[in-house]
Protein backbone atom coordinates (compact mmCIF):
# COMPACT_ATOMS: atom_id res chain seq x y z
CA MET A 1 114.73 58.08 -6.28
CA PRO A 2 114.18 56.26 -2.97
CA LEU A 3 117.27 55.28 -1.03
CA PRO A 4 117.07 51.83 0.56
CA GLU A 5 120.12 52.45 2.75
CA SER A 6 118.43 55.34 4.57
CA ALA A 7 114.92 53.91 4.54
CA SER A 8 114.99 53.15 8.25
CA VAL A 9 116.27 56.63 9.15
CA PRO A 10 113.48 59.26 9.30
CA PRO A 11 114.11 62.39 7.19
CA ALA A 12 114.45 64.62 10.27
CA GLU A 13 117.09 62.32 11.75
CA LEU A 14 118.91 62.09 8.42
CA GLU A 15 118.99 65.87 8.14
CA ALA A 16 120.30 66.13 11.71
CA ARG A 17 123.07 63.63 10.99
CA LEU A 18 124.08 65.62 7.94
CA ARG A 19 124.19 68.79 10.03
CA LEU A 20 126.39 67.14 12.65
CA HIS A 21 128.62 65.82 9.90
CA ARG A 22 129.32 69.35 8.65
CA LEU A 23 130.36 70.83 11.99
CA PRO A 24 133.93 72.10 12.34
CA ASP A 25 136.31 69.99 14.45
CA LEU A 26 133.78 67.18 14.70
CA GLY A 27 135.49 64.04 13.43
CA PRO A 28 134.21 60.45 13.55
CA ARG A 29 134.97 59.90 17.24
CA ARG A 30 133.25 63.09 18.41
CA PHE A 31 130.32 62.33 16.09
CA MET A 32 129.91 58.96 17.75
CA THR A 33 130.34 60.51 21.22
CA LEU A 34 127.30 62.66 20.52
CA MET A 35 125.28 59.77 19.14
CA GLU A 36 126.06 57.60 22.18
CA ALA A 37 125.35 60.40 24.64
CA PHE A 38 122.03 61.55 23.18
CA GLY A 39 120.80 58.49 21.30
CA SER A 40 120.14 60.32 18.05
CA ALA A 41 121.43 63.20 15.97
CA SER A 42 118.10 64.98 16.33
CA LYS A 43 118.43 65.04 20.12
CA ALA A 44 122.07 66.05 19.91
CA ILE A 45 121.27 69.00 17.67
CA SER A 46 118.61 70.27 20.07
CA ALA A 47 120.59 69.64 23.28
CA PRO A 48 121.85 72.69 25.25
CA ALA A 49 125.40 73.89 24.60
CA SER A 50 126.28 73.07 28.21
CA ALA A 51 125.59 69.40 27.52
CA TRP A 52 128.01 69.48 24.60
CA ARG A 53 130.66 71.19 26.70
CA ALA A 54 130.21 68.54 29.37
CA LEU A 55 131.21 65.95 26.77
CA GLY A 56 134.45 67.82 26.14
CA LEU A 57 133.43 69.07 22.70
CA PRO A 58 134.88 72.36 21.38
CA ALA A 59 132.70 75.41 21.85
CA GLN A 60 132.69 76.14 18.13
CA CYS A 61 130.94 72.82 17.46
CA ALA A 62 127.98 73.69 19.66
CA GLU A 63 127.83 77.24 18.31
CA ALA A 64 128.01 76.26 14.64
CA ARG A 65 125.19 73.70 14.65
CA ARG A 66 122.53 76.38 14.21
CA LEU A 67 124.32 78.41 11.53
CA ALA A 68 122.47 78.86 8.25
CA GLU A 69 125.40 77.46 6.25
CA ILE A 70 125.26 74.24 8.26
CA ARG A 71 121.51 73.87 7.66
CA ASP A 72 121.87 74.78 3.99
CA GLY A 73 124.68 72.28 3.50
CA ALA A 74 122.58 69.52 5.02
CA ALA A 75 119.62 70.46 2.83
CA HIS A 76 121.86 70.37 -0.24
CA ALA A 77 123.07 66.89 0.71
CA MET A 78 119.47 65.72 1.11
CA ALA A 79 118.75 66.96 -2.42
CA TRP A 80 121.94 65.32 -3.74
CA LEU A 81 120.78 61.97 -2.41
CA GLU A 82 117.76 62.13 -4.70
CA GLY A 83 120.05 61.92 -7.73
CA GLN A 84 120.68 58.72 -9.67
CA ALA A 85 123.45 56.50 -8.29
CA GLN A 86 124.05 58.86 -5.33
CA HIS A 87 123.97 57.27 -1.92
CA LEU A 88 124.76 57.72 1.76
CA LEU A 89 125.99 54.76 3.78
CA MET A 90 125.69 55.07 7.57
CA TRP A 91 127.48 53.13 10.28
CA ASP A 92 124.26 51.76 11.79
CA GLN A 93 122.69 50.56 8.54
CA PRO A 94 123.03 46.99 7.16
CA ASP A 95 124.68 48.07 3.90
CA TYR A 96 127.66 49.73 5.61
CA PRO A 97 130.85 47.84 4.58
CA ALA A 98 131.54 45.16 7.18
CA LEU A 99 135.34 45.29 6.96
CA LEU A 100 135.40 49.07 7.25
CA ALA A 101 133.14 48.95 10.29
CA GLN A 102 135.85 47.01 12.14
CA ILE A 103 138.50 49.74 12.06
CA SER A 104 139.15 52.33 14.73
CA GLY A 105 137.59 55.68 13.84
CA ALA A 106 135.45 54.30 11.02
CA PRO A 107 133.63 57.10 9.20
CA PRO A 108 130.02 57.31 10.41
CA LEU A 109 128.83 58.57 7.02
CA LEU A 110 130.05 57.76 3.50
CA PHE A 111 128.86 59.55 0.38
CA VAL A 112 128.98 57.17 -2.59
CA ALA A 113 128.57 57.91 -6.29
CA GLY A 114 128.07 54.76 -8.33
CA ASP A 115 127.26 51.25 -7.12
CA PRO A 116 127.54 50.99 -3.32
CA THR A 117 127.08 47.21 -3.28
CA ILE A 118 130.63 46.62 -4.55
CA LEU A 119 131.98 47.93 -1.23
CA GLU A 120 131.10 44.52 0.24
CA LYS A 121 133.03 42.60 -2.40
CA PRO A 122 136.61 41.38 -1.76
CA GLN A 123 138.96 44.28 -2.41
CA LEU A 124 142.69 44.72 -2.89
CA ALA A 125 144.08 48.22 -2.42
CA MET A 126 146.79 49.38 -4.81
CA VAL A 127 148.73 52.53 -3.97
CA GLY A 128 151.98 54.20 -4.92
CA SER A 129 153.75 57.33 -6.08
CA ARG A 130 151.96 60.23 -7.75
CA ARG A 131 155.14 60.77 -9.77
CA ALA A 132 155.57 57.17 -10.75
CA SER A 133 158.03 56.00 -13.38
CA ARG A 134 156.75 54.54 -16.63
CA PRO A 135 157.79 51.01 -15.59
CA GLY A 136 156.02 51.56 -12.25
CA MET A 137 152.83 52.60 -14.05
CA ASP A 138 153.06 49.57 -16.33
CA THR A 139 153.56 47.25 -13.37
CA ALA A 140 150.57 48.76 -11.56
CA ALA A 141 148.42 48.29 -14.65
CA ALA A 142 149.55 44.69 -15.13
CA PHE A 143 148.85 43.73 -11.50
CA SER A 144 145.51 45.53 -11.54
CA ARG A 145 144.41 43.69 -14.68
CA SER A 146 145.31 40.36 -13.19
CA LEU A 147 143.76 41.03 -9.77
CA ALA A 148 140.57 42.45 -11.30
CA GLY A 149 140.45 39.45 -13.65
CA ALA A 150 140.73 37.19 -10.59
CA GLY A 151 137.58 38.73 -9.13
CA PHE A 152 138.93 41.44 -6.84
CA VAL A 153 137.67 45.00 -6.70
CA ILE A 154 140.67 47.35 -7.01
CA THR A 155 140.57 50.12 -4.41
CA SER A 156 142.76 53.22 -4.48
CA GLY A 157 142.77 56.98 -3.95
CA LEU A 158 142.16 58.35 -7.48
CA ALA A 159 145.42 60.29 -7.27
CA LEU A 160 147.75 60.78 -10.21
CA GLY A 161 150.33 58.11 -10.97
CA ILE A 162 149.95 54.60 -9.58
CA ASP A 163 146.38 55.14 -8.32
CA ALA A 164 145.08 56.23 -11.72
CA ALA A 165 146.92 53.42 -13.52
CA ALA A 166 145.36 50.84 -11.18
CA HIS A 167 141.82 52.22 -11.56
CA GLN A 168 142.04 52.45 -15.36
CA ALA A 169 143.51 48.99 -15.80
CA ALA A 170 140.69 47.44 -13.77
CA LEU A 171 138.14 49.14 -16.01
CA ASP A 172 140.05 48.01 -19.12
CA VAL A 173 139.42 44.34 -18.32
CA GLY A 174 135.79 44.89 -17.30
CA GLY A 175 136.59 44.77 -13.59
CA GLN A 176 135.33 46.98 -10.78
CA THR A 177 137.25 49.62 -8.89
CA ILE A 178 136.64 52.01 -5.98
CA GLY A 179 138.12 55.49 -5.63
CA VAL A 180 138.35 57.05 -2.16
CA LEU A 181 138.61 60.85 -2.26
CA GLY A 182 140.25 63.27 0.15
CA THR A 183 137.71 65.93 -0.85
CA GLY A 184 133.94 66.09 -1.16
CA LEU A 185 132.38 64.39 -4.17
CA GLU A 186 131.35 67.77 -5.60
CA ASN A 187 134.80 69.31 -5.17
CA PHE A 188 136.79 66.70 -7.04
CA TYR A 189 140.58 66.64 -6.78
CA PRO A 190 142.72 66.18 -8.79
CA GLN A 191 140.75 67.57 -11.71
CA ARG A 192 142.90 65.65 -14.20
CA ASN A 193 141.27 62.43 -13.00
CA ARG A 194 137.68 63.66 -13.15
CA ARG A 195 136.98 61.84 -16.42
CA LEU A 196 138.39 58.65 -14.94
CA ALA A 197 136.06 59.02 -11.94
CA GLU A 198 133.09 59.60 -14.25
CA ALA A 199 134.01 56.49 -16.24
CA MET A 200 134.22 54.47 -13.05
CA ILE A 201 130.74 55.55 -12.00
CA ALA A 202 129.28 54.94 -15.47
CA GLN A 203 130.79 51.44 -15.71
CA GLY A 204 129.42 50.09 -12.43
CA SER A 205 132.24 51.03 -10.09
CA ALA A 206 132.15 53.67 -7.33
CA VAL A 207 133.74 56.84 -5.98
CA LEU A 208 133.26 57.70 -2.32
CA SER A 209 134.18 60.18 0.38
CA GLU A 210 133.64 60.61 4.09
CA PHE A 211 133.81 64.40 3.70
CA PRO A 212 130.90 66.77 3.09
CA LEU A 213 130.06 67.14 -0.60
CA ASP A 214 131.71 70.55 -0.96
CA ALA A 215 134.82 69.84 1.17
CA PRO A 216 137.90 71.35 -0.56
CA PRO A 217 141.36 69.77 -0.85
CA HIS A 218 143.22 70.03 2.45
CA ALA A 219 146.58 68.45 3.20
CA SER A 220 145.33 66.71 6.36
CA ASN A 221 142.42 65.04 4.53
CA PHE A 222 144.55 62.77 2.34
CA PRO A 223 146.34 60.81 5.08
CA ARG A 224 142.96 60.57 6.82
CA ARG A 225 141.27 59.01 3.79
CA ASN A 226 144.03 56.39 3.58
CA ARG A 227 142.56 54.52 6.55
CA ILE A 228 139.42 53.99 4.44
CA ILE A 229 141.40 52.63 1.49
CA SER A 230 143.08 50.06 3.72
CA GLY A 231 140.02 49.50 5.89
CA LEU A 232 137.87 48.44 2.94
CA SER A 233 140.49 46.00 1.66
CA LEU A 234 141.81 42.55 2.45
CA GLY A 235 145.31 43.81 1.78
CA VAL A 236 147.34 46.71 0.39
CA LEU A 237 149.82 46.41 -2.48
CA VAL A 238 152.41 49.19 -2.69
CA VAL A 239 153.76 49.31 -6.24
CA GLU A 240 156.27 52.16 -6.20
CA ALA A 241 156.91 54.66 -3.41
CA SER A 242 159.63 56.85 -1.98
CA VAL A 243 160.33 56.81 1.75
CA ALA A 244 158.28 60.02 2.09
CA SER A 245 155.29 58.73 0.12
CA GLY A 246 151.79 58.83 1.57
CA SER A 247 151.50 55.23 0.39
CA LEU A 248 153.59 54.20 3.38
CA ILE A 249 150.93 55.75 5.61
CA THR A 250 148.33 53.53 3.95
CA ALA A 251 150.58 50.51 4.45
CA ARG A 252 151.14 51.35 8.13
CA LEU A 253 147.40 51.76 8.68
CA ALA A 254 146.76 48.47 6.91
CA ALA A 255 149.15 46.68 9.24
CA GLU A 256 147.50 48.30 12.28
CA GLN A 257 144.10 47.17 10.97
CA GLY A 258 145.29 43.59 10.60
CA ARG A 259 145.37 43.69 6.81
CA GLU A 260 148.09 42.15 4.65
CA VAL A 261 150.77 44.48 3.24
CA TYR A 262 152.49 43.62 -0.03
CA ALA A 263 155.32 45.53 -1.70
CA ILE A 264 156.93 45.21 -5.13
CA PRO A 265 160.71 45.63 -5.01
CA GLY A 266 162.69 47.70 -7.50
CA SER A 267 166.17 48.80 -8.35
CA ILE A 268 168.38 49.86 -5.45
CA HIS A 269 169.29 52.87 -7.58
CA HIS A 270 165.67 54.07 -8.00
CA PRO A 271 164.43 56.47 -5.25
CA GLY A 272 160.88 55.37 -6.01
CA ALA A 273 161.69 51.85 -4.84
CA ARG A 274 163.09 52.77 -1.45
CA GLY A 275 159.71 53.03 0.23
CA CYS A 276 158.84 49.51 -0.92
CA HIS A 277 162.19 48.23 0.28
CA GLN A 278 161.57 49.83 3.67
CA LEU A 279 158.19 48.10 3.89
CA ILE A 280 159.77 44.76 3.05
CA ARG A 281 162.40 45.26 5.77
CA ASP A 282 159.54 46.05 8.16
CA GLY A 283 157.74 42.81 7.35
CA ALA A 284 155.66 43.43 4.20
CA ALA A 285 155.40 40.48 1.84
CA LEU A 286 157.73 40.79 -1.14
CA VAL A 287 155.65 40.38 -4.28
CA GLU A 288 156.96 39.55 -7.73
CA THR A 289 153.83 38.03 -9.29
CA VAL A 290 150.09 38.20 -8.78
CA GLU A 291 150.19 34.55 -7.72
CA HIS A 292 152.10 35.59 -4.58
CA ILE A 293 149.07 37.63 -3.51
CA LEU A 294 146.52 34.99 -4.51
CA GLU A 295 148.44 32.30 -2.62
CA ALA A 296 148.42 34.43 0.54
CA LEU A 297 144.69 34.99 0.28
CA ARG A 298 144.02 31.29 -0.27
CA GLY A 299 145.82 30.76 3.02
CA TRP A 300 143.19 32.97 4.68
CA GLN A 301 140.41 30.97 2.97
CA ARG A 302 139.01 34.32 1.91
CA LEU A 303 139.63 34.08 -1.82
CA PRO A 304 136.54 35.21 -3.75
CA VAL A 305 134.58 32.81 -5.90
CA GLY A 306 136.24 32.44 -9.28
CA ALA A 307 139.61 33.77 -8.13
CA GLU A 308 141.52 30.48 -8.37
CA PRO A 309 144.09 31.31 -11.03
CA THR A 310 144.70 29.02 -13.99
CA PRO A 311 148.23 27.63 -13.69
CA VAL A 312 150.59 29.51 -15.97
CA THR A 313 152.95 27.12 -17.73
CA HIS A 314 154.20 29.16 -20.68
CA PRO A 315 157.60 30.59 -19.69
CA LEU A 316 157.00 33.94 -21.37
CA LEU A 317 153.59 34.34 -19.72
CA ARG A 318 155.12 33.62 -16.32
CA LEU A 319 157.52 36.51 -16.89
CA LEU A 320 154.75 38.79 -18.14
CA HIS A 321 152.56 38.05 -15.12
CA ALA A 322 155.35 39.47 -12.99
CA ALA A 323 155.69 42.67 -15.02
CA PRO A 324 155.21 44.01 -18.55
CA LEU A 325 158.36 43.64 -20.65
CA THR A 326 159.67 44.48 -24.10
CA SER A 327 160.44 41.61 -26.46
CA GLU A 328 164.16 42.28 -25.97
CA ALA A 329 163.80 42.13 -22.19
CA LEU A 330 161.85 38.88 -22.53
CA ALA A 331 164.67 37.42 -24.60
CA ASP A 332 167.18 38.38 -21.90
CA ALA A 333 165.02 37.08 -19.05
CA SER A 334 164.07 33.80 -20.74
CA GLY A 335 167.38 33.02 -22.37
CA TRP A 336 165.60 32.52 -25.68
CA GLY A 337 166.75 34.05 -28.94
CA LEU A 338 164.86 37.16 -30.03
CA SER A 339 163.42 35.45 -33.12
CA LYS A 340 162.03 32.62 -30.97
CA VAL A 341 160.55 35.15 -28.51
CA LEU A 342 158.90 37.12 -31.32
CA ALA A 343 157.39 33.98 -32.83
CA ALA A 344 156.06 32.84 -29.45
CA LEU A 345 154.62 36.30 -28.72
CA THR A 346 152.84 36.28 -32.07
CA ASP A 347 151.22 32.95 -31.17
CA LEU A 348 150.25 34.20 -27.69
CA GLU A 349 148.75 37.36 -29.15
CA MET A 350 146.69 35.38 -31.67
CA GLU A 351 145.46 33.17 -28.83
CA GLY A 352 144.43 36.26 -26.84
CA ARG A 353 146.88 35.46 -24.05
CA ALA A 354 149.23 38.41 -24.52
CA THR A 355 149.03 41.92 -25.91
CA CYS A 356 151.50 44.63 -26.81
CA GLU A 357 151.01 48.25 -25.72
CA HIS A 358 153.52 51.02 -26.37
CA GLY A 359 156.33 48.55 -27.00
CA ARG A 360 155.75 46.41 -23.87
CA TRP A 361 154.04 43.04 -23.70
CA PHE A 362 151.38 42.22 -21.12
CA ALA A 363 149.76 38.94 -20.10
CA ARG A 364 146.04 39.07 -20.74
CA THR A 365 143.68 37.91 -18.00
CA SER A 366 140.41 37.95 -19.89
């Protein structure tokens, strides 16, 4: 199928860009150095090795550009782009995400499976521990439902734990979500979330990567992809994280990019809360309800159309918007008797304003 985003790039230039993109030790900055020096990827590919060395590029870059595996990989990517819902966004094309274009070291090429137009919609990133607690997963799901219901695209890294909970919850309420991979789109990792990624693509969301299609998992790729998660988003919400969590890298990058950083506090006895507490000490906004995030975004005058939340007056719903709770926990938090809580929850469930899953109650947003 024709690709509108590459319509203004001739096939020979597109193939040359894809060849450059596959070269070893050629990251975004060196890619752009070549483009600025030679004016096009086609001219860069055909330039003498001495010209590359004069730009300070590693010798292996110049030597590898003519290898058969580099040409074959570019040809494979060209064929991949002919598939349905498979796209390439480039830094100099009008459909490249505007927010992402503002960050330092923005990826010159992005492979996207799914709907690329949602990358321009207002996004909130949600990140956290891969080994999240059950309450942490429930909190991530509750916040994701509410934020997606308020009109935000939920962006995360498709990792296990908090990431997966946030993606799935957005889909559950008919929202949109974006997964940013640390591998190529044809070398998906982690495999346990492949079905989730496929569901995202099928339901009008998107999965993307800056890496070549066949790029394998590599430890250095995952911190690198975090700048894309934060760069696409208006802000980053850290749900649950230890002090060694990669989520803190995303939060640090978000702050450097001028994005808002939000953190949900937890028990002082829970190691998974210490990263969030560290972020709060460092200046992140302490978040207890979705309204805290929406209020901050209204202050920026960047709230998406339809995201003005309906005031929540029911005392049980106010508690459930903060976090999913059991009926017993709601009784403790509200000061109501359990029988009164159960009766009220029955009414809220019949009205479609609350739902119970696995023993915990959630506020419904749609």
